N, C-alpha and C. Protein backbone atom coordinates (compact mmCIF):
# COMPACT_ATOMS: atom_id res chain seq x y z
N MET A 1 5.49 -5.14 19.18
CA MET A 1 5.88 -4.39 17.90
C MET A 1 6.80 -5.63 17.33
N PRO A 2 5.66 -5.63 16.12
CA PRO A 2 6.75 -6.71 14.66
C PRO A 2 8.33 -6.21 14.53
N GLU A 3 9.12 -7.61 15.07
CA GLU A 3 10.14 -7.49 14.28
C GLU A 3 10.85 -7.89 13.08
N LEU A 4 11.79 -7.64 12.67
CA LEU A 4 12.20 -8.25 11.42
C LEU A 4 11.78 -9.24 10.62
N PRO A 5 11.53 -10.54 11.29
CA PRO A 5 11.56 -11.72 10.51
C PRO A 5 9.84 -11.25 10.61
N GLU A 6 8.64 -10.55 10.98
CA GLU A 6 7.27 -10.54 11.16
C GLU A 6 7.49 -9.73 9.45
N VAL A 7 8.28 -8.93 9.75
CA VAL A 7 8.14 -7.45 8.56
C VAL A 7 8.10 -7.94 7.07
N GLU A 8 9.30 -9.21 7.54
CA GLU A 8 9.91 -9.65 6.14
C GLU A 8 8.89 -10.62 5.74
N THR A 9 8.15 -11.54 6.84
CA THR A 9 6.81 -12.63 6.15
C THR A 9 5.56 -11.54 5.98
N THR A 10 5.46 -10.39 6.14
CA THR A 10 4.27 -9.60 5.74
C THR A 10 5.19 -9.19 3.69
N LYS A 11 5.99 -8.46 4.41
CA LYS A 11 6.62 -8.20 2.68
C LYS A 11 6.36 -9.12 1.97
N THR A 12 7.02 -10.63 2.12
CA THR A 12 6.19 -11.66 1.58
C THR A 12 4.81 -12.15 0.75
N SER A 13 4.32 -11.95 1.35
CA SER A 13 2.76 -12.38 1.77
C SER A 13 2.05 -11.22 0.74
N LEU A 14 2.64 -9.72 0.27
CA LEU A 14 2.46 -9.08 -0.44
C LEU A 14 2.79 -9.08 -2.07
N ALA A 15 3.95 -10.14 -2.17
CA ALA A 15 3.88 -10.82 -3.40
C ALA A 15 2.76 -10.98 -4.09
N PRO A 16 1.27 -11.92 -4.25
CA PRO A 16 0.70 -11.86 -5.22
C PRO A 16 0.03 -10.44 -5.54
N LEU A 17 0.43 -9.29 -5.14
CA LEU A 17 -0.33 -8.08 -5.49
C LEU A 17 0.53 -7.41 -6.14
N LEU A 18 1.65 -7.72 -6.90
CA LEU A 18 2.77 -6.85 -7.71
C LEU A 18 2.04 -7.44 -9.11
N GLY A 19 2.36 -6.48 -9.64
CA GLY A 19 1.48 -5.62 -11.23
C GLY A 19 0.06 -6.20 -10.97
N GLN A 20 -0.42 -5.76 -9.88
CA GLN A 20 -2.04 -5.52 -9.55
C GLN A 20 -2.20 -3.99 -9.74
N GLN A 21 -3.62 -3.32 -10.39
CA GLN A 21 -3.51 -2.69 -10.35
C GLN A 21 -5.01 -1.85 -9.26
N VAL A 22 -4.15 -0.33 -9.08
CA VAL A 22 -5.09 -0.14 -7.46
C VAL A 22 -6.29 0.72 -8.09
N ILE A 23 -7.34 0.21 -7.61
CA ILE A 23 -8.79 0.97 -8.04
C ILE A 23 -8.72 1.49 -7.63
N ASP A 24 -9.02 2.37 -5.83
CA ASP A 24 -9.62 2.67 -5.22
C ASP A 24 -8.49 2.50 -4.05
N ILE A 25 -9.03 3.56 -3.25
CA ILE A 25 -7.97 3.91 -2.06
C ILE A 25 -9.04 4.68 -0.79
N LYS A 26 -9.12 3.69 0.64
CA LYS A 26 -9.99 4.54 1.74
C LYS A 26 -9.35 4.65 2.82
N VAL A 27 -9.42 6.23 3.20
CA VAL A 27 -8.20 6.48 4.49
C VAL A 27 -9.14 6.76 5.46
N PHE A 28 -9.10 6.15 6.17
CA PHE A 28 -10.26 5.94 7.62
C PHE A 28 -9.27 7.00 9.12
N GLN A 29 -8.28 6.84 8.97
CA GLN A 29 -7.01 7.85 10.11
C GLN A 29 -6.24 8.14 9.40
N PRO A 30 -6.40 9.57 8.76
CA PRO A 30 -5.47 10.21 8.35
C PRO A 30 -4.16 10.62 9.21
N LYS A 31 -4.28 10.66 10.63
CA LYS A 31 -3.38 10.86 11.53
C LYS A 31 -2.42 9.69 12.31
N LEU A 32 -2.11 9.01 11.95
CA LEU A 32 -1.50 8.16 12.60
C LEU A 32 0.20 8.61 12.86
N ARG A 33 1.26 8.01 12.86
CA ARG A 33 2.42 8.83 13.29
C ARG A 33 3.21 9.87 12.44
N TRP A 34 2.41 10.00 11.35
CA TRP A 34 2.66 10.87 9.88
C TRP A 34 1.63 10.99 9.87
N ALA A 35 0.45 12.52 9.15
CA ALA A 35 0.01 12.43 8.56
C ALA A 35 0.06 12.08 7.36
N MET A 36 -1.24 11.16 6.83
CA MET A 36 -1.64 10.80 5.56
C MET A 36 -1.75 11.84 4.16
N PRO A 37 -0.86 11.62 3.53
CA PRO A 37 -0.90 12.87 2.29
C PRO A 37 -2.05 12.91 2.03
N ASP A 38 -2.94 14.34 1.53
CA ASP A 38 -4.51 14.22 1.07
C ASP A 38 -4.48 13.98 -0.25
N ASP A 39 -3.49 13.65 -1.20
CA ASP A 39 -3.66 13.34 -2.44
C ASP A 39 -3.14 11.86 -2.83
N LEU A 40 -3.37 11.02 -1.28
CA LEU A 40 -3.10 9.29 -1.67
C LEU A 40 -4.26 8.54 -2.68
N SER A 41 -5.36 9.24 -3.04
CA SER A 41 -6.14 8.76 -3.90
C SER A 41 -5.60 8.98 -5.54
N SER A 42 -4.93 8.95 -5.43
CA SER A 42 -3.73 10.01 -6.82
C SER A 42 -3.04 8.45 -7.14
N LEU A 43 -3.47 7.41 -6.26
CA LEU A 43 -2.44 6.30 -6.27
C LEU A 43 -3.27 4.92 -7.39
N ALA A 44 -4.76 5.55 -6.92
CA ALA A 44 -5.57 5.12 -8.16
C ALA A 44 -5.21 4.61 -9.50
N ASP A 45 -5.48 3.58 -10.28
CA ASP A 45 -4.86 3.73 -11.51
C ASP A 45 -3.28 3.44 -11.86
N TYR A 46 -2.62 3.36 -10.33
CA TYR A 46 -1.37 3.02 -10.15
C TYR A 46 -1.01 1.27 -10.25
N THR A 47 0.04 0.80 -10.41
CA THR A 47 -0.33 -0.79 -10.13
C THR A 47 1.24 -0.78 -9.36
N LEU A 48 1.20 -1.69 -8.22
CA LEU A 48 2.11 -2.39 -7.63
C LEU A 48 3.38 -2.42 -8.30
N ASP A 49 4.23 -2.08 -8.22
CA ASP A 49 5.65 -2.63 -9.12
C ASP A 49 6.66 -3.49 -8.09
N SER A 50 6.53 -2.73 -6.94
CA SER A 50 8.00 -3.59 -6.22
C SER A 50 7.41 -3.37 -4.96
N VAL A 51 7.82 -4.26 -3.63
CA VAL A 51 7.93 -4.39 -2.34
C VAL A 51 9.67 -4.45 -1.63
N GLU A 52 9.84 -3.38 -0.65
CA GLU A 52 11.03 -3.55 -0.51
C GLU A 52 10.66 -3.84 1.35
N ARG A 53 11.83 -3.94 1.83
CA ARG A 53 11.66 -3.70 3.76
C ARG A 53 12.95 -3.22 3.69
N ARG A 54 13.13 -1.87 4.45
CA ARG A 54 14.01 -1.20 4.95
C ARG A 54 13.96 -0.83 6.78
N ALA A 55 14.89 -1.82 7.42
CA ALA A 55 14.70 -2.24 9.09
C ALA A 55 13.29 -2.35 8.85
N LYS A 56 12.33 -2.00 9.66
CA LYS A 56 11.48 -2.53 9.87
C LYS A 56 10.14 -1.78 9.16
N TYR A 57 10.56 -1.32 7.90
CA TYR A 57 9.62 -0.18 7.34
C TYR A 57 9.39 -1.15 5.69
N LEU A 58 8.44 -0.97 5.03
CA LEU A 58 7.79 -1.62 4.19
C LEU A 58 7.77 0.07 2.90
N VAL A 59 8.14 -0.53 2.06
CA VAL A 59 8.09 0.55 0.85
C VAL A 59 7.79 0.19 -0.25
N LEU A 60 6.24 0.46 -0.38
CA LEU A 60 6.13 -0.25 -1.51
C LEU A 60 5.47 0.82 -3.17
N LYS A 61 6.59 0.73 -4.26
CA LYS A 61 6.61 1.45 -4.90
C LYS A 61 5.45 1.53 -6.06
N PHE A 62 4.31 2.36 -6.44
CA PHE A 62 3.65 1.93 -7.71
C PHE A 62 4.18 2.81 -8.71
N LEU A 63 4.17 1.77 -9.76
CA LEU A 63 4.35 2.82 -11.09
C LEU A 63 2.45 3.23 -12.10
N PRO A 64 2.52 4.51 -12.90
CA PRO A 64 1.51 4.40 -13.37
C PRO A 64 1.12 2.95 -14.40
N THR A 65 -0.15 2.91 -14.35
CA THR A 65 -0.68 1.57 -15.22
C THR A 65 -0.45 1.96 -16.64
N VAL A 66 -0.75 2.83 -16.49
CA VAL A 66 -0.77 3.12 -18.46
C VAL A 66 -0.19 4.28 -18.93
N LEU A 67 1.41 3.68 -19.26
CA LEU A 67 2.16 4.76 -19.89
C LEU A 67 2.30 5.21 -21.08
N ASN A 68 1.76 6.58 -21.12
CA ASN A 68 2.16 6.96 -22.59
C ASN A 68 3.13 8.46 -22.70
N ASP A 69 3.09 8.77 -23.92
CA ASP A 69 4.48 9.90 -23.84
C ASP A 69 4.42 11.07 -22.68
N ASN A 70 2.76 11.35 -22.03
CA ASN A 70 3.54 12.08 -21.16
C ASN A 70 3.60 12.29 -20.07
N ASP A 71 3.43 10.22 -19.54
CA ASP A 71 3.79 9.53 -18.58
C ASP A 71 5.05 9.27 -18.67
N ALA A 72 5.91 9.88 -19.42
CA ALA A 72 7.63 9.35 -19.40
C ALA A 72 8.29 9.80 -18.01
N MET A 73 7.85 11.04 -17.81
CA MET A 73 8.73 11.84 -16.89
C MET A 73 7.99 11.27 -15.32
N VAL A 74 6.97 10.14 -15.77
CA VAL A 74 6.34 10.65 -14.02
C VAL A 74 7.56 9.71 -12.99
N ALA A 75 7.23 9.98 -12.09
CA ALA A 75 7.98 9.29 -10.90
C ALA A 75 7.45 8.69 -10.39
N PRO A 76 8.23 7.22 -10.46
CA PRO A 76 6.85 6.67 -9.01
C PRO A 76 6.54 7.04 -8.36
N LEU A 77 5.02 6.68 -7.39
CA LEU A 77 5.11 6.74 -5.86
C LEU A 77 5.42 5.63 -4.84
N LYS A 78 5.74 6.01 -3.74
CA LYS A 78 5.77 5.52 -2.85
C LYS A 78 5.00 5.33 -1.78
N LEU A 79 5.15 4.16 -0.72
CA LEU A 79 4.19 4.64 0.35
C LEU A 79 4.72 3.80 1.47
N LEU A 80 5.15 4.65 2.39
CA LEU A 80 6.07 4.00 2.92
C LEU A 80 4.98 3.05 4.77
N ILE A 81 5.47 1.68 4.81
CA ILE A 81 4.40 1.52 6.12
C ILE A 81 5.00 1.09 7.44
N HIS A 82 4.96 1.68 8.36
CA HIS A 82 5.46 0.96 10.21
C HIS A 82 4.39 0.37 10.46
N LEU A 83 4.31 -1.10 10.60
CA LEU A 83 3.91 -1.74 11.58
C LEU A 83 3.02 -1.59 12.75
N GLY A 84 4.04 -0.43 13.39
CA GLY A 84 3.97 0.09 14.95
C GLY A 84 3.82 -0.67 16.20
N MET A 85 3.21 -0.77 16.78
CA MET A 85 3.25 -1.93 18.20
C MET A 85 2.64 -3.56 17.79
N SER A 86 1.48 -3.29 16.83
CA SER A 86 0.31 -4.51 16.75
C SER A 86 -0.46 -4.09 15.19
N GLY A 87 0.53 -3.61 14.15
CA GLY A 87 0.03 -3.54 13.26
C GLY A 87 -0.48 -4.58 12.10
N SER A 88 -0.80 -4.92 11.12
CA SER A 88 -0.56 -5.82 10.37
C SER A 88 -1.93 -5.37 8.83
N LEU A 89 -1.09 -6.03 7.99
CA LEU A 89 -1.36 -5.82 6.88
C LEU A 89 -2.42 -7.28 6.43
N GLN A 90 -3.49 -6.93 6.22
CA GLN A 90 -4.45 -8.13 5.93
C GLN A 90 -4.97 -8.23 4.39
N GLN A 91 -5.13 -9.04 3.49
CA GLN A 91 -5.71 -9.31 2.63
C GLN A 91 -7.84 -9.90 2.52
N HIS A 92 -8.75 -9.22 2.09
CA HIS A 92 -10.00 -9.19 2.40
C HIS A 92 -10.90 -9.09 1.49
N SER A 93 -11.49 -9.89 0.83
CA SER A 93 -12.28 -10.02 -0.59
C SER A 93 -13.18 -8.45 -0.07
N TYR A 94 -13.49 -8.38 -1.78
CA TYR A 94 -13.74 -6.52 -1.51
C TYR A 94 -15.16 -6.47 -1.53
N GLY A 95 -15.63 -5.52 -0.94
CA GLY A 95 -16.64 -4.99 0.19
C GLY A 95 -16.26 -5.28 1.47
N THR A 96 -15.45 -5.81 2.11
CA THR A 96 -15.88 -6.29 3.78
C THR A 96 -15.80 -5.25 4.46
N ASP A 97 -16.66 -5.20 5.25
CA ASP A 97 -16.57 -4.30 6.46
C ASP A 97 -15.49 -3.64 6.83
N LYS A 98 -15.30 -2.85 7.07
CA LYS A 98 -14.38 -1.75 8.10
C LYS A 98 -14.09 -2.62 9.20
N ARG A 99 -13.26 -2.46 9.94
CA ARG A 99 -13.20 -3.05 11.46
C ARG A 99 -12.38 -1.96 11.99
N LYS A 100 -12.81 -1.83 13.27
CA LYS A 100 -12.22 -1.34 14.40
C LYS A 100 -10.92 -0.68 14.42
N HIS A 101 -10.14 -1.48 13.76
CA HIS A 101 -8.67 -0.30 13.75
C HIS A 101 -7.69 -0.20 12.10
N ASP A 102 -9.30 -1.00 11.30
CA ASP A 102 -8.55 -0.21 10.02
C ASP A 102 -8.47 1.03 9.88
N HIS A 103 -6.98 1.39 9.31
CA HIS A 103 -6.66 3.02 8.81
C HIS A 103 -6.41 3.53 7.39
N LEU A 104 -5.77 2.00 6.90
CA LEU A 104 -6.47 2.53 5.09
C LEU A 104 -6.76 1.14 4.62
N ILE A 105 -7.51 1.15 3.42
CA ILE A 105 -7.39 0.28 2.19
C ILE A 105 -7.19 0.77 0.81
N VAL A 106 -6.86 -0.47 0.42
CA VAL A 106 -6.35 -0.26 -0.83
C VAL A 106 -6.54 -1.29 -1.76
N VAL A 107 -7.50 -0.52 -2.76
CA VAL A 107 -8.56 -2.31 -3.61
C VAL A 107 -7.25 -2.09 -4.67
N PHE A 108 -7.86 -3.43 -4.98
CA PHE A 108 -6.58 -3.85 -6.13
C PHE A 108 -7.36 -4.48 -6.71
N ARG A 109 -7.58 -4.28 -8.29
CA ARG A 109 -8.31 -4.84 -9.44
C ARG A 109 -8.16 -6.18 -8.91
N GLY A 110 -9.20 -7.04 -9.03
CA GLY A 110 -9.17 -8.53 -9.04
C GLY A 110 -9.08 -9.18 -7.72
N PHE A 111 -8.90 -8.78 -6.83
CA PHE A 111 -8.74 -8.46 -5.09
C PHE A 111 -10.19 -8.77 -4.52
């Protein structure tokens, strides 16, 4: 199981994605420890605002990419990640084939 230093390293590795817009989300395994919400695709067109570590969890906060008067009251969306026994977050070029243990792919503009 990843320990705190590995989780902190994973958090740090996400820094290049801060400020980047989500353009697509692909869910391959909707039932993990907790079921993934059906509306996870609503993260598309949101921008990664921050990444925090809470114990062994990563909390990714997303904000609407384009704010207008109607979005002034839109709450940020948060994605909670626990790496489990052997989990990892990896960066790949767009179009890379899904691998055996990939559960979720988040596609960012420009990555």
